[in-house]
Protein backbone atom coordinates (compact mmCIF):
# COMPACT_ATOMS: atom_id res chain seq x y z
CA MET A 1 0.00 0.00 0.00
CA PRO A 2 1.55 3.37 -0.97
CA HIS A 3 2.22 6.01 1.63
CA ALA A 4 -0.39 8.73 1.98
CA SER A 5 0.52 12.18 0.75
CA PRO A 6 1.41 14.73 3.44
CA THR A 7 -1.88 16.52 2.75
CA ARG A 8 -3.89 13.32 3.17
CA ALA A 9 -1.99 12.40 6.31
CA GLY A 10 -2.60 15.88 7.75
CA ASN A 11 -6.31 15.70 6.91
CA ALA A 12 -6.54 12.27 8.54
CA ALA A 13 -4.83 13.65 11.66
CA GLU A 14 -7.30 16.56 11.75
CA ASP A 15 -10.23 14.16 11.35
CA GLN A 16 -8.94 12.06 14.24
CA ALA A 17 -8.36 15.12 16.42
CA LEU A 18 -11.80 16.52 15.63
CA GLY A 19 -13.50 13.24 16.52
CA HIS A 20 -11.55 13.02 19.76
CA LEU A 21 -12.39 16.58 20.79
CA GLN A 22 -16.07 16.21 19.88
CA GLY A 23 -16.10 13.01 21.91
CA HIS A 24 -15.02 15.12 24.88
CA GLY A 25 -17.88 17.57 24.40
CA LEU A 26 -16.26 20.32 22.32
CA ALA A 27 -18.29 21.80 19.45
CA LEU A 28 -16.79 22.77 16.11
CA LEU A 29 -16.96 26.46 15.20
CA ALA A 30 -14.58 26.44 12.21
CA ARG A 31 -12.15 24.14 10.43
CA ASN A 32 -9.12 25.21 8.38
CA TRP A 33 -9.99 28.87 8.86
CA ARG A 34 -7.59 30.89 6.72
CA CYS A 35 -6.44 34.48 6.85
CA LYS A 36 -3.52 36.45 5.51
CA GLY A 37 -1.44 35.62 8.57
CA GLY A 38 -1.99 31.87 8.58
CA GLU A 39 -4.52 29.17 9.32
CA LEU A 40 -6.38 27.82 12.32
CA ASP A 41 -6.80 24.06 12.06
CA LEU A 42 -9.80 23.81 14.38
CA VAL A 43 -11.75 26.41 16.30
CA MET A 44 -13.85 24.72 18.95
CA LEU A 45 -16.13 25.71 21.80
CA ASP A 46 -15.54 24.07 25.19
CA ALA A 47 -18.47 25.21 27.37
CA ASP A 48 -18.04 29.00 27.05
CA THR A 49 -14.33 28.94 26.06
CA VAL A 50 -13.21 29.41 22.46
CA VAL A 51 -10.43 26.90 21.81
CA PHE A 52 -7.95 27.38 18.98
CA VAL A 53 -6.58 23.92 18.25
CA GLU A 54 -3.36 23.33 16.37
CA VAL A 55 -3.16 19.76 15.05
CA ARG A 56 0.39 18.55 14.49
CA TYR A 57 1.25 15.32 12.74
CA ARG A 58 4.74 14.00 12.21
CA LEU A 59 5.71 10.64 10.79
CA HIS A 60 8.92 10.48 12.86
CA ALA A 61 10.04 11.85 16.20
CA GLY A 62 13.14 13.48 14.68
CA PHE A 63 13.66 17.21 15.21
CA GLY A 64 11.39 17.15 18.25
CA GLY A 65 8.47 15.36 16.62
CA ALA A 66 4.97 16.79 16.49
CA LEU A 67 5.18 18.77 19.73
CA GLY A 68 8.62 20.14 18.99
CA SER A 69 7.30 21.81 15.86
CA ILE A 70 5.31 24.39 17.87
CA ASP A 71 8.03 26.98 18.31
CA GLY A 72 7.70 30.62 19.36
CA ARG A 73 7.29 31.81 15.78
CA LYS A 74 4.44 29.36 15.19
CA GLN A 75 2.77 30.42 18.44
CA LYS A 76 2.87 34.08 17.37
CA ARG A 77 1.31 33.23 13.99
CA LEU A 78 -1.46 31.28 15.72
CA ALA A 79 -2.11 34.17 18.10
CA LEU A 80 -2.33 36.59 15.17
CA ALA A 81 -4.74 34.31 13.30
CA ALA A 82 -6.85 33.86 16.46
CA ASN A 83 -7.03 37.62 16.91
CA LEU A 84 -8.19 38.04 13.31
CA PHE A 85 -10.76 35.28 13.78
CA LEU A 86 -12.19 37.06 16.82
CA GLN A 87 -12.30 40.37 14.92
CA GLN A 88 -14.23 38.74 12.07
CA HIS A 89 -16.47 36.81 14.46
CA PRO A 90 -17.23 39.34 17.22
CA ARG A 91 -19.82 37.00 18.72
CA TRP A 92 -16.93 35.04 20.27
CA ALA A 93 -14.67 37.98 21.17
CA ALA A 94 -15.95 38.35 24.75
CA HIS A 95 -15.50 34.65 25.53
CA PRO A 96 -12.42 33.29 27.28
CA CYS A 97 -9.93 31.73 24.84
CA ARG A 98 -7.17 29.16 24.99
CA PHE A 99 -4.71 27.46 22.67
CA ASP A 100 -4.63 23.67 22.61
CA VAL A 101 -2.36 21.35 20.66
CA VAL A 102 -3.26 17.87 19.46
CA ALA A 103 -0.18 15.89 18.46
CA LEU A 104 -0.11 12.63 16.52
CA GLN A 105 2.94 10.72 15.42
CA GLY A 106 3.71 7.65 13.34
CA GLN A 107 2.43 6.24 10.08
CA GLY A 108 -1.34 6.02 10.22
CA HIS A 109 -0.98 6.89 13.91
CA ALA A 110 -1.26 3.13 14.54
CA GLY A 111 -0.34 2.26 18.08
CA GLN A 112 0.36 5.89 18.85
CA PRO A 113 -1.96 7.64 21.27
CA LEU A 114 -3.26 11.05 20.46
CA LEU A 115 -1.77 13.66 22.78
CA TRP A 116 -4.08 16.57 23.67
CA LEU A 117 -2.43 19.45 25.48
CA LYS A 118 -5.00 21.85 26.87
CA ASN A 119 -3.84 25.43 27.24
CA ALA A 120 -0.57 24.45 25.57
CA PHE A 121 0.76 28.00 25.44
CA GLU A 122 -0.14 31.54 26.46
CA CYS A 123 -0.21 34.57 24.21
């Protein structure tokens, strides 16, 4: 069986993350929301908190793996995109917000647990 393309693998990781988060009671507000400054993989609602979820998939653990890929520059881009999202969707602007990371690693994620870090970083 041929390896999945990086896009397909990323979409599969997002699907898995979305299902996991919905299974824990979060509701989807937006998926793959794009703006000039970047993209938000998932925007979810957890009770009254708007959750900006970055889904990271890496085939191998090299270079820090999935979690290691969330550096300071990436965090700033996510914060900028989240700010733009809230400006364009003022309904959610008064709600508390947080940034979560869902990390998956390994081909097909087989045997690898999904790692969900709530409030993974502050902006």
